[in-house]
PDB file of N, CA and C in Angstrom:
ATOM      1  N   GLU A   1       0.822  -1.184   0.000  1.00  0.00           N
ATOM      2  CA  GLU A   1       0.000   0.000   0.000  1.00  0.00           C
ATOM      3  C   GLU A   1       0.869   1.250   0.000  1.00  0.00           C
ATOM      4  N   GLU A   2       1.749   1.330   0.953  1.00  0.00           N
ATOM      5  CA  GLU A   2       2.569   2.523   1.086  1.00  0.00           C
ATOM      6  C   GLU A   2       3.518   2.702  -0.095  1.00  0.00           C
ATOM      7  N   GLN A   3       3.912   1.609  -0.725  1.00  0.00           N
ATOM      8  CA  GLN A   3       4.897   1.683  -1.801  1.00  0.00           C
ATOM      9  C   GLN A   3       4.269   1.793  -3.187  1.00  0.00           C
ATOM     10  N   VAL A   4       3.041   1.329  -3.342  1.00  0.00           N
ATOM     11  CA  VAL A   4       2.432   1.308  -4.676  1.00  0.00           C
ATOM     12  C   VAL A   4       1.181   2.179  -4.737  1.00  0.00           C
ATOM     13  N   LEU A   5       0.189   1.843  -3.929  1.00  0.00           N
ATOM     14  CA  LEU A   5      -1.108   2.505  -4.057  1.00  0.00           C
ATOM     15  C   LEU A   5      -1.076   3.961  -3.609  1.00  0.00           C
ATOM     16  N   PHE A   6      -0.541   4.228  -2.437  1.00  0.00           N
ATOM     17  CA  PHE A   6      -0.570   5.599  -1.927  1.00  0.00           C
ATOM     18  C   PHE A   6       0.195   6.568  -2.825  1.00  0.00           C
ATOM     19  N   PRO A   7       1.389   6.209  -3.324  1.00  0.00           N
ATOM     20  CA  PRO A   7       2.057   7.124  -4.267  1.00  0.00           C
ATOM     21  C   PRO A   7       1.246   7.347  -5.548  1.00  0.00           C
ATOM     22  N   ALA A   8       0.575   6.310  -6.032  1.00  0.00           N
ATOM     23  CA  ALA A   8      -0.246   6.466  -7.240  1.00  0.00           C
ATOM     24  C   ALA A   8      -1.397   7.424  -6.983  1.00  0.00           C
ATOM     25  N   ILE A   9      -2.059   7.264  -5.850  1.00  0.00           N
ATOM     26  CA  ILE A   9      -3.176   8.150  -5.506  1.00  0.00           C
ATOM     27  C   ILE A   9      -2.664   9.577  -5.339  1.00  0.00           C
ATOM     28  N   HIS A  10      -1.569   9.721  -4.622  1.00  0.00           N
ATOM     29  CA  HIS A  10      -0.998  11.052  -4.385  1.00  0.00           C
ATOM     30  C   HIS A  10      -0.601  11.711  -5.700  1.00  0.00           C
ATOM     31  N   GLY A  11      -0.133  10.921  -6.642  1.00  0.00           N
ATOM     32  CA  GLY A  11       0.261  11.452  -7.941  1.00  0.00           C
ATOM     33  C   GLY A  11      -0.891  11.649  -8.905  1.00  0.00           C
ATOM     34  N   GLY A  12      -2.110  11.364  -8.454  1.00  0.00           N
ATOM     35  CA  GLY A  12      -3.278  11.568  -9.294  1.00  0.00           C
ATOM     36  C   GLY A  12      -3.539  10.467 -10.304  1.00  0.00           C
ATOM     37  N   ARG A  13      -2.844   9.351 -10.160  1.00  0.00           N
ATOM     38  CA  ARG A  13      -3.053   8.228 -11.086  1.00  0.00           C
ATOM     39  C   ARG A  13      -4.170   7.349 -10.515  1.00  0.00           C
ATOM     40  N   LEU A  14      -5.388   7.687 -10.851  1.00  0.00           N
ATOM     41  CA  LEU A  14      -6.554   6.974 -10.338  1.00  0.00           C
ATOM     42  C   LEU A  14      -7.166   6.135 -11.446  1.00  0.00           C
ATOM     43  N   GLY A  15      -8.133   5.307 -11.075  1.00  0.00           N
ATOM     44  CA  GLY A  15      -8.819   4.482 -12.061  1.00  0.00           C
ATOM     45  C   GLY A  15      -7.991   3.286 -12.469  1.00  0.00           C
ATOM     46  N   ALA A  16      -7.825   3.093 -13.772  1.00  0.00           N
ATOM     47  CA  ALA A  16      -7.160   1.898 -14.309  1.00  0.00           C
ATOM     48  C   ALA A  16      -5.752   1.655 -13.760  1.00  0.00           C
ATOM     49  N   PRO A  17      -4.911   2.684 -13.570  1.00  0.00           N
ATOM     50  CA  PRO A  17      -3.552   2.414 -13.077  1.00  0.00           C
ATOM     51  C   PRO A  17      -3.495   1.750 -11.700  1.00  0.00           C
ATOM     52  N   VAL A  18      -4.538   1.929 -10.903  1.00  0.00           N
ATOM     53  CA  VAL A  18      -4.516   1.342  -9.558  1.00  0.00           C
ATOM     54  C   VAL A  18      -5.358   0.076  -9.463  1.00  0.00           C
ATOM     55  N   HIS A  19      -5.974  -0.332 -10.567  1.00  0.00           N
ATOM     56  CA  HIS A  19      -6.867  -1.490 -10.526  1.00  0.00           C
ATOM     57  C   HIS A  19      -6.158  -2.757 -10.059  1.00  0.00           C
ATOM     58  N   MET A  20      -5.023  -3.087 -10.656  1.00  0.00           N
ATOM     59  CA  MET A  20      -4.330  -4.330 -10.306  1.00  0.00           C
ATOM     60  C   MET A  20      -3.790  -4.308  -8.872  1.00  0.00           C
ATOM     61  N   PRO A  21      -3.134  -3.232  -8.419  1.00  0.00           N
ATOM     62  CA  PRO A  21      -2.696  -3.224  -7.020  1.00  0.00           C
ATOM     63  C   PRO A  21      -3.860  -3.390  -6.044  1.00  0.00           C
ATOM     64  N   ILE A  22      -4.990  -2.795  -6.362  1.00  0.00           N
ATOM     65  CA  ILE A  22      -6.151  -2.918  -5.481  1.00  0.00           C
ATOM     66  C   ILE A  22      -6.668  -4.349  -5.478  1.00  0.00           C
ATOM     67  N   ARG A  23      -6.708  -4.994  -6.634  1.00  0.00           N
ATOM     68  CA  ARG A  23      -7.141  -6.405  -6.679  1.00  0.00           C
ATOM     69  C   ARG A  23      -6.249  -7.268  -5.792  1.00  0.00           C
ATOM     70  N   VAL A  24      -4.944  -7.044  -5.881  1.00  0.00           N
ATOM     71  CA  VAL A  24      -4.000  -7.815  -5.065  1.00  0.00           C
ATOM     72  C   VAL A  24      -4.251  -7.552  -3.584  1.00  0.00           C
ATOM     73  N   MET A  25      -4.426  -6.291  -3.220  1.00  0.00           N
ATOM     74  CA  MET A  25      -4.645  -5.945  -1.809  1.00  0.00           C
ATOM     75  C   MET A  25      -5.961  -6.508  -1.296  1.00  0.00           C
ATOM     76  N   MET A  26      -6.990  -6.517  -2.121  1.00  0.00           N
ATOM     77  CA  MET A  26      -8.264  -7.082  -1.679  1.00  0.00           C
ATOM     78  C   MET A  26      -8.141  -8.589  -1.466  1.00  0.00           C
ATOM     79  N   GLN A  27      -7.369  -9.260  -2.303  1.00  0.00           N
ATOM     80  CA  GLN A  27      -7.127 -10.692  -2.092  1.00  0.00           C
ATOM     81  C   GLN A  27      -6.360 -10.906  -0.789  1.00  0.00           C
ATOM     82  N   GLU A  28      -5.384 -10.052  -0.530  1.00  0.00           N
ATOM     83  CA  GLU A  28      -4.647 -10.141   0.729  1.00  0.00           C
ATOM     84  C   GLU A  28      -5.582  -9.925   1.912  1.00  0.00           C
ATOM     85  N   HIS A  29      -6.519  -8.991   1.773  1.00  0.00           N
ATOM     86  CA  HIS A  29      -7.487  -8.748   2.843  1.00  0.00           C
ATOM     87  C   HIS A  29      -8.346  -9.985   3.086  1.00  0.00           C
ATOM     88  N   ASP A  30      -8.759 -10.640   2.015  1.00  0.00           N
ATOM     89  CA  ASP A  30      -9.524 -11.884   2.170  1.00  0.00           C
ATOM     90  C   ASP A  30      -8.699 -12.927   2.914  1.00  0.00           C
ATOM     91  N   ASP A  31      -7.428 -13.029   2.551  1.00  0.00           N
ATOM     92  CA  ASP A  31      -6.539 -13.984   3.227  1.00  0.00           C
ATOM     93  C   ASP A  31      -6.381 -13.631   4.701  1.00  0.00           C
ATOM     94  N   HIS A  32      -6.213 -12.346   4.989  1.00  0.00           N
ATOM     95  CA  HIS A  32      -6.082 -11.917   6.389  1.00  0.00           C
ATOM     96  C   HIS A  32      -7.350 -12.248   7.172  1.00  0.00           C
ATOM     97  N   GLY A  33      -8.498 -12.021   6.552  1.00  0.00           N
ATOM     98  CA  GLY A  33      -9.761 -12.339   7.216  1.00  0.00           C
ATOM     99  C   GLY A  33      -9.859 -13.812   7.556  1.00  0.00           C
ATOM    100  N   GLU A  34      -9.444 -14.659   6.637  1.00  0.00           N
ATOM    101  CA  GLU A  34      -9.460 -16.104   6.896  1.00  0.00           C
ATOM    102  C   GLU A  34      -8.474 -16.466   7.998  1.00  0.00           C
ATOM    103  N   ASN A  35      -7.310 -15.851   7.986  1.00  0.00           N
ATOM    104  CA  ASN A  35      -6.332 -16.116   9.049  1.00  0.00           C
ATOM    105  C   ASN A  35      -6.851 -15.666  10.408  1.00  0.00           C
ATOM    106  N   LEU A  36      -7.526 -14.526  10.440  1.00  0.00           N
ATOM    107  CA  LEU A  36      -8.102 -14.050  11.699  1.00  0.00           C
ATOM    108  C   LEU A  36      -9.204 -14.985  12.181  1.00  0.00           C
ATOM    109  N   ARG A  37     -10.028 -15.455  11.247  1.00  0.00           N
ATOM    110  CA  ARG A  37     -11.088 -16.396  11.618  1.00  0.00           C
ATOM    111  C   ARG A  37     -10.493 -17.649  12.236  1.00  0.00           C
ATOM    112  N   ARG A  38      -9.432 -18.151  11.628  1.00  0.00           N
ATOM    113  CA  ARG A  38      -8.769 -19.359  12.136  1.00  0.00           C
ATOM    114  C   ARG A  38      -8.119 -19.097  13.493  1.00  0.00           C
ATOM    115  N   MET A  39      -7.503 -17.934  13.654  1.00  0.00           N
ATOM    116  CA  MET A  39      -6.892 -17.595  14.935  1.00  0.00           C
ATOM    117  C   MET A  39      -7.955 -17.544  16.031  1.00  0.00           C
ATOM    118  N   ARG A  40      -9.097 -16.923  15.723  1.00  0.00           N
ATOM    119  CA  ARG A  40     -10.188 -16.852  16.704  1.00  0.00           C
ATOM    120  C   ARG A  40     -10.675 -18.257  17.056  1.00  0.00           C
ATOM    121  N   GLU A  41     -10.781 -19.103  16.058  1.00  0.00           N
ATOM    122  CA  GLU A  41     -11.213 -20.485  16.287  1.00  0.00           C
ATOM    123  C   GLU A  41     -10.230 -21.213  17.203  1.00  0.00           C
ATOM    124  N   LEU A  42      -8.944 -21.085  16.913  1.00  0.00           N
ATOM    125  CA  LEU A  42      -7.928 -21.755  17.728  1.00  0.00           C
ATOM    126  C   LEU A  42      -7.881 -21.213  19.153  1.00  0.00           C
ATOM    127  N   ALA A  43      -8.220 -19.940  19.303  1.00  0.00           N
ATOM    128  CA  ALA A  43      -8.191 -19.307  20.622  1.00  0.00           C
ATOM    129  C   ALA A  43      -9.570 -19.338  21.287  1.00  0.00           C
ATOM    130  N   THR A  44     -10.400 -20.267  20.877  1.00  0.00           N
ATOM    131  CA  THR A  44     -11.744 -20.461  21.446  1.00  0.00           C
ATOM    132  C   THR A  44     -12.512 -19.149  21.598  1.00  0.00           C
ATOM    133  N   GLY A  45     -12.504 -18.372  20.517  1.00  0.00           N
ATOM    134  CA  GLY A  45     -13.250 -17.118  20.531  1.00  0.00           C
ATOM    135  C   GLY A  45     -12.657 -16.073  21.448  1.00  0.00           C
ATOM    136  N   TYR A  46     -11.393 -16.233  21.782  1.00  0.00           N
ATOM    137  CA  TYR A  46     -10.673 -15.340  22.699  1.00  0.00           C
ATOM    138  C   TYR A  46     -11.251 -15.376  24.107  1.00  0.00           C
ATOM    139  N   VAL A  47     -11.869 -16.496  24.444  1.00  0.00           N
ATOM    140  CA  VAL A  47     -12.372 -16.697  25.805  1.00  0.00           C
ATOM    141  C   VAL A  47     -11.425 -17.670  26.491  1.00  0.00           C
ATOM    142  N   PRO A  48     -10.609 -17.173  27.408  1.00  0.00           N
ATOM    143  CA  PRO A  48      -9.668 -18.068  28.078  1.00  0.00           C
ATOM    144  C   PRO A  48     -10.400 -18.993  29.045  1.00  0.00           C
ATOM    145  N   PRO A  49      -9.815 -20.128  29.317  1.00  0.00           N
ATOM    146  CA  PRO A  49     -10.437 -21.025  30.287  1.00  0.00           C
ATOM    147  C   PRO A  49     -10.407 -20.401  31.682  1.00  0.00           C
ATOM    148  N   PRO A  50     -11.265 -20.869  32.564  1.00  0.00           N
ATOM    149  CA  PRO A  50     -11.335 -20.291  33.912  1.00  0.00           C
ATOM    150  C   PRO A  50      -9.995 -20.299  34.653  1.00  0.00           C
ATOM    151  N   GLU A  51      -9.166 -21.297  34.394  1.00  0.00           N
ATOM    152  CA  GLU A  51      -7.896 -21.402  35.114  1.00  0.00           C
ATOM    153  C   GLU A  51      -6.769 -20.600  34.468  1.00  0.00           C
ATOM    154  N   ALA A  52      -7.073 -19.833  33.420  1.00  0.00           N
ATOM    155  CA  ALA A  52      -6.037 -19.085  32.699  1.00  0.00           C
ATOM    156  C   ALA A  52      -5.393 -18.035  33.593  1.00  0.00           C
ATOM    157  N   CYS A  53      -4.081 -17.917  33.446  1.00  0.00           N
ATOM    158  CA  CYS A  53      -3.329 -16.915  34.203  1.00  0.00           C
ATOM    159  C   CYS A  53      -3.533 -15.534  33.571  1.00  0.00           C
ATOM    160  N   ALA A  54      -3.033 -14.516  34.231  1.00  0.00           N
ATOM    161  CA  ALA A  54      -3.185 -13.141  33.752  1.00  0.00           C
ATOM    162  C   ALA A  54      -2.529 -12.947  32.384  1.00  0.00           C
ATOM    163  N   THR A  55      -1.406 -13.612  32.160  1.00  0.00           N
ATOM    164  CA  THR A  55      -0.716 -13.486  30.877  1.00  0.00           C
ATOM    165  C   THR A  55      -1.566 -14.052  29.747  1.00  0.00           C
ATOM    166  N   TRP A  56      -2.171 -15.194  29.986  1.00  0.00           N
ATOM    167  CA  TRP A  56      -3.036 -15.826  28.991  1.00  0.00           C
ATOM    168  C   TRP A  56      -4.221 -14.915  28.681  1.00  0.00           C
ATOM    169  N   ARG A  57      -4.823 -14.369  29.726  1.00  0.00           N
ATOM    170  CA  ARG A  57      -5.962 -13.472  29.545  1.00  0.00           C
ATOM    171  C   ARG A  57      -5.556 -12.218  28.761  1.00  0.00           C
ATOM    172  N   ALA A  58      -4.381 -11.686  29.071  1.00  0.00           N
ATOM    173  CA  ALA A  58      -3.886 -10.506  28.358  1.00  0.00           C
ATOM    174  C   ALA A  58      -3.621 -10.836  26.888  1.00  0.00           C
ATOM    175  N   LEU A  59      -3.086 -12.016  26.633  1.00  0.00           N
ATOM    176  CA  LEU A  59      -2.839 -12.443  25.257  1.00  0.00           C
ATOM    177  C   LEU A  59      -4.142 -12.480  24.472  1.00  0.00           C
ATOM    178  N   TYR A  60      -5.154 -13.104  25.018  1.00  0.00           N
ATOM    179  CA  TYR A  60      -6.432 -13.204  24.317  1.00  0.00           C
ATOM    180  C   TYR A  60      -7.054 -11.823  24.111  1.00  0.00           C
ATOM    181  N   ALA A  61      -6.945 -10.952  25.109  1.00  0.00           N
ATOM    182  CA  ALA A  61      -7.475  -9.593  24.961  1.00  0.00           C
ATOM    183  C   ALA A  61      -6.723  -8.853  23.856  1.00  0.00           C
ATOM    184  N   GLY A  62      -5.411  -9.031  23.808  1.00  0.00           N
ATOM    185  CA  GLY A  62      -4.611  -8.396  22.767  1.00  0.00           C
ATOM    186  C   GLY A  62      -4.934  -8.924  21.384  1.00  0.00           C
ATOM    187  N   LEU A  63      -5.145 -10.229  21.275  1.00  0.00           N
ATOM    188  CA  LEU A  63      -5.507 -10.821  19.983  1.00  0.00           C
ATOM    189  C   LEU A  63      -6.861 -10.300  19.508  1.00  0.00           C
ATOM    190  N   GLU A  64      -7.789 -10.183  20.435  1.00  0.00           N
ATOM    191  CA  GLU A  64      -9.115  -9.675  20.071  1.00  0.00           C
ATOM    192  C   GLU A  64      -9.028  -8.222  19.601  1.00  0.00           C
ATOM    193  N   LYS A  65      -8.202  -7.428  20.282  1.00  0.00           N
ATOM    194  CA  LYS A  65      -8.011  -6.033  19.883  1.00  0.00           C
ATOM    195  C   LYS A  65      -7.341  -5.954  18.509  1.00  0.00           C
ATOM    196  N   LEU A  66      -6.332  -6.782  18.290  1.00  0.00           N
ATOM    197  CA  LEU A  66      -5.657  -6.829  16.992  1.00  0.00           C
ATOM    198  C   LEU A  66      -6.652  -7.148  15.881  1.00  0.00           C
ATOM    199  N   GLU A  67      -7.490  -8.143  16.119  1.00  0.00           N
ATOM    200  CA  GLU A  67      -8.486  -8.514  15.116  1.00  0.00           C
ATOM    201  C   GLU A  67      -9.418  -7.350  14.811  1.00  0.00           C
ATOM    202  N   ALA A  68      -9.917  -6.694  15.842  1.00  0.00           N
ATOM    203  CA  ALA A  68     -10.849  -5.582  15.641  1.00  0.00           C
ATOM    204  C   ALA A  68     -10.195  -4.446  14.857  1.00  0.00           C
ATOM    205  N   GLU A  69      -8.962  -4.114  15.211  1.00  0.00           N
ATOM    206  CA  GLU A  69      -8.283  -3.016  14.532  1.00  0.00           C
ATOM    207  C   GLU A  69      -7.943  -3.369  13.088  1.00  0.00           C
ATOM    208  N   LEU A  70      -7.531  -4.589  12.851  1.00  0.00           N
ATOM    209  CA  LEU A  70      -7.216  -5.001  11.486  1.00  0.00           C
ATOM    210  C   LEU A  70      -8.479  -5.045  10.630  1.00  0.00           C
ATOM    211  N   MET A  71      -9.579  -5.518  11.196  1.00  0.00           N
ATOM    212  CA  MET A  71     -10.831  -5.559  10.438  1.00  0.00           C
ATOM    213  C   MET A  71     -11.325  -4.144  10.118  1.00  0.00           C
ATOM    214  N   GLU A  72     -11.130  -3.207  11.035  1.00  0.00           N
ATOM    215  CA  GLU A  72     -11.510  -1.819  10.758  1.00  0.00           C
ATOM    216  C   GLU A  72     -10.645  -1.255   9.621  1.00  0.00           C
ATOM    217  N   HIS A  73      -9.357  -1.534   9.664  1.00  0.00           N
ATOM    218  CA  HIS A  73      -8.427  -1.100   8.618  1.00  0.00           C
ATOM    219  C   HIS A  73      -8.851  -1.666   7.257  1.00  0.00           C
ATOM    220  N   ILE A  74      -9.153  -2.951   7.237  1.00  0.00           N
ATOM    221  CA  ILE A  74      -9.579  -3.603   5.998  1.00  0.00           C
ATOM    222  C   ILE A  74     -10.885  -2.995   5.492  1.00  0.00           C
ATOM    223  N   HIS A  75     -11.816  -2.769   6.399  1.00  0.00           N
ATOM    224  CA  HIS A  75     -13.102  -2.169   6.017  1.00  0.00           C
ATOM    225  C   HIS A  75     -12.890  -0.797   5.373  1.00  0.00           C
ATOM    226  N   LEU A  76     -12.078   0.040   6.001  1.00  0.00           N
ATOM    227  CA  LEU A  76     -11.852   1.382   5.468  1.00  0.00           C
ATOM    228  C   LEU A  76     -11.203   1.340   4.087  1.00  0.00           C
ATOM    229  N   GLU A  77     -10.261   0.449   3.912  1.00  0.00           N
ATOM    230  CA  GLU A  77      -9.620   0.352   2.601  1.00  0.00           C
ATOM    231  C   GLU A  77     -10.589  -0.200   1.555  1.00  0.00           C
ATOM    232  N   ASN A  78     -11.246  -1.319   1.868  1.00  0.00           N
ATOM    233  CA  ASN A  78     -12.131  -1.962   0.889  1.00  0.00           C
ATOM    234  C   ASN A  78     -13.347  -1.113   0.537  1.00  0.00           C
ATOM    235  N   ASN A  79     -13.889  -0.391   1.511  1.00  0.00           N
ATOM    236  CA  ASN A  79     -15.165   0.281   1.316  1.00  0.00           C
ATOM    237  C   ASN A  79     -15.089   1.795   1.173  1.00  0.00           C
ATOM    238  N   VAL A  80     -13.926   2.375   1.454  1.00  0.00           N
ATOM    239  CA  VAL A  80     -13.781   3.821   1.323  1.00  0.00           C
ATOM    240  C   VAL A  80     -12.641   4.166   0.355  1.00  0.00           C
ATOM    241  N   LEU A  81     -11.433   3.771   0.701  1.00  0.00           N
ATOM    242  CA  LEU A  81     -10.265   4.152  -0.097  1.00  0.00           C
ATOM    243  C   LEU A  81     -10.281   3.548  -1.498  1.00  0.00           C
ATOM    244  N   PHE A  82     -10.435   2.240  -1.585  1.00  0.00           N
ATOM    245  CA  PHE A  82     -10.342   1.584  -2.894  1.00  0.00           C
ATOM    246  C   PHE A  82     -11.411   2.073  -3.872  1.00  0.00           C
ATOM    247  N   PRO A  83     -12.688   2.171  -3.461  1.00  0.00           N
ATOM    248  CA  PRO A  83     -13.681   2.684  -4.415  1.00  0.00           C
ATOM    249  C   PRO A  83     -13.363   4.102  -4.899  1.00  0.00           C
ATOM    250  N   ARG A  84     -12.880   4.940  -4.001  1.00  0.00           N
ATOM    251  CA  ARG A  84     -12.535   6.306  -4.410  1.00  0.00           C
ATOM    252  C   ARG A  84     -11.373   6.307  -5.392  1.00  0.00           C
ATOM    253  N   ALA A  85     -10.385   5.457  -5.131  1.00  0.00           N
ATOM    254  CA  ALA A  85      -9.223   5.387  -6.025  1.00  0.00           C
ATOM    255  C   ALA A  85      -9.624   4.851  -7.398  1.00  0.00           C
ATOM    256  N   LEU A  86     -10.529   3.888  -7.420  1.00  0.00           N
ATOM    257  CA  LEU A  86     -10.945   3.297  -8.693  1.00  0.00           C
ATOM    258  C   LEU A  86     -11.835   4.234  -9.505  1.00  0.00           C
ATOM    259  N   ASN A  87     -12.637   5.020  -8.811  1.00  0.00           N
ATOM    260  CA  ASN A  87     -13.585   5.892  -9.503  1.00  0.00           C
ATOM    261  C   ASN A  87     -13.045   7.294  -9.747  1.00  0.00           C
ATOM    262  N   GLY A  88     -11.843   7.546  -9.236  1.00  0.00           N
ATOM    263  CA  GLY A  88     -11.216   8.846  -9.460  1.00  0.00           C
ATOM    264  C   GLY A  88     -11.920   9.908  -8.694  1.00  0.00           C
TER     265      GLY A  88
END
């Protein structure tokens, strides 16, 4: 993003020139979403067992926060930035 898409947008190269980088980034976002889903599954929905220590609880809280922030980032790019870049 920082190396390809943002310089193109800043330089006014919108529409077709950014189509392929955006397609690649959207595929990466899909992959990240699947990885996050799997991480949540492995971490039992980020609900630690009753006997979990403070470190375990902090880890799960941090993972849940990471997921939320990454999903917000993906949402903003997919639904705000990318459409604007494609439509000029």
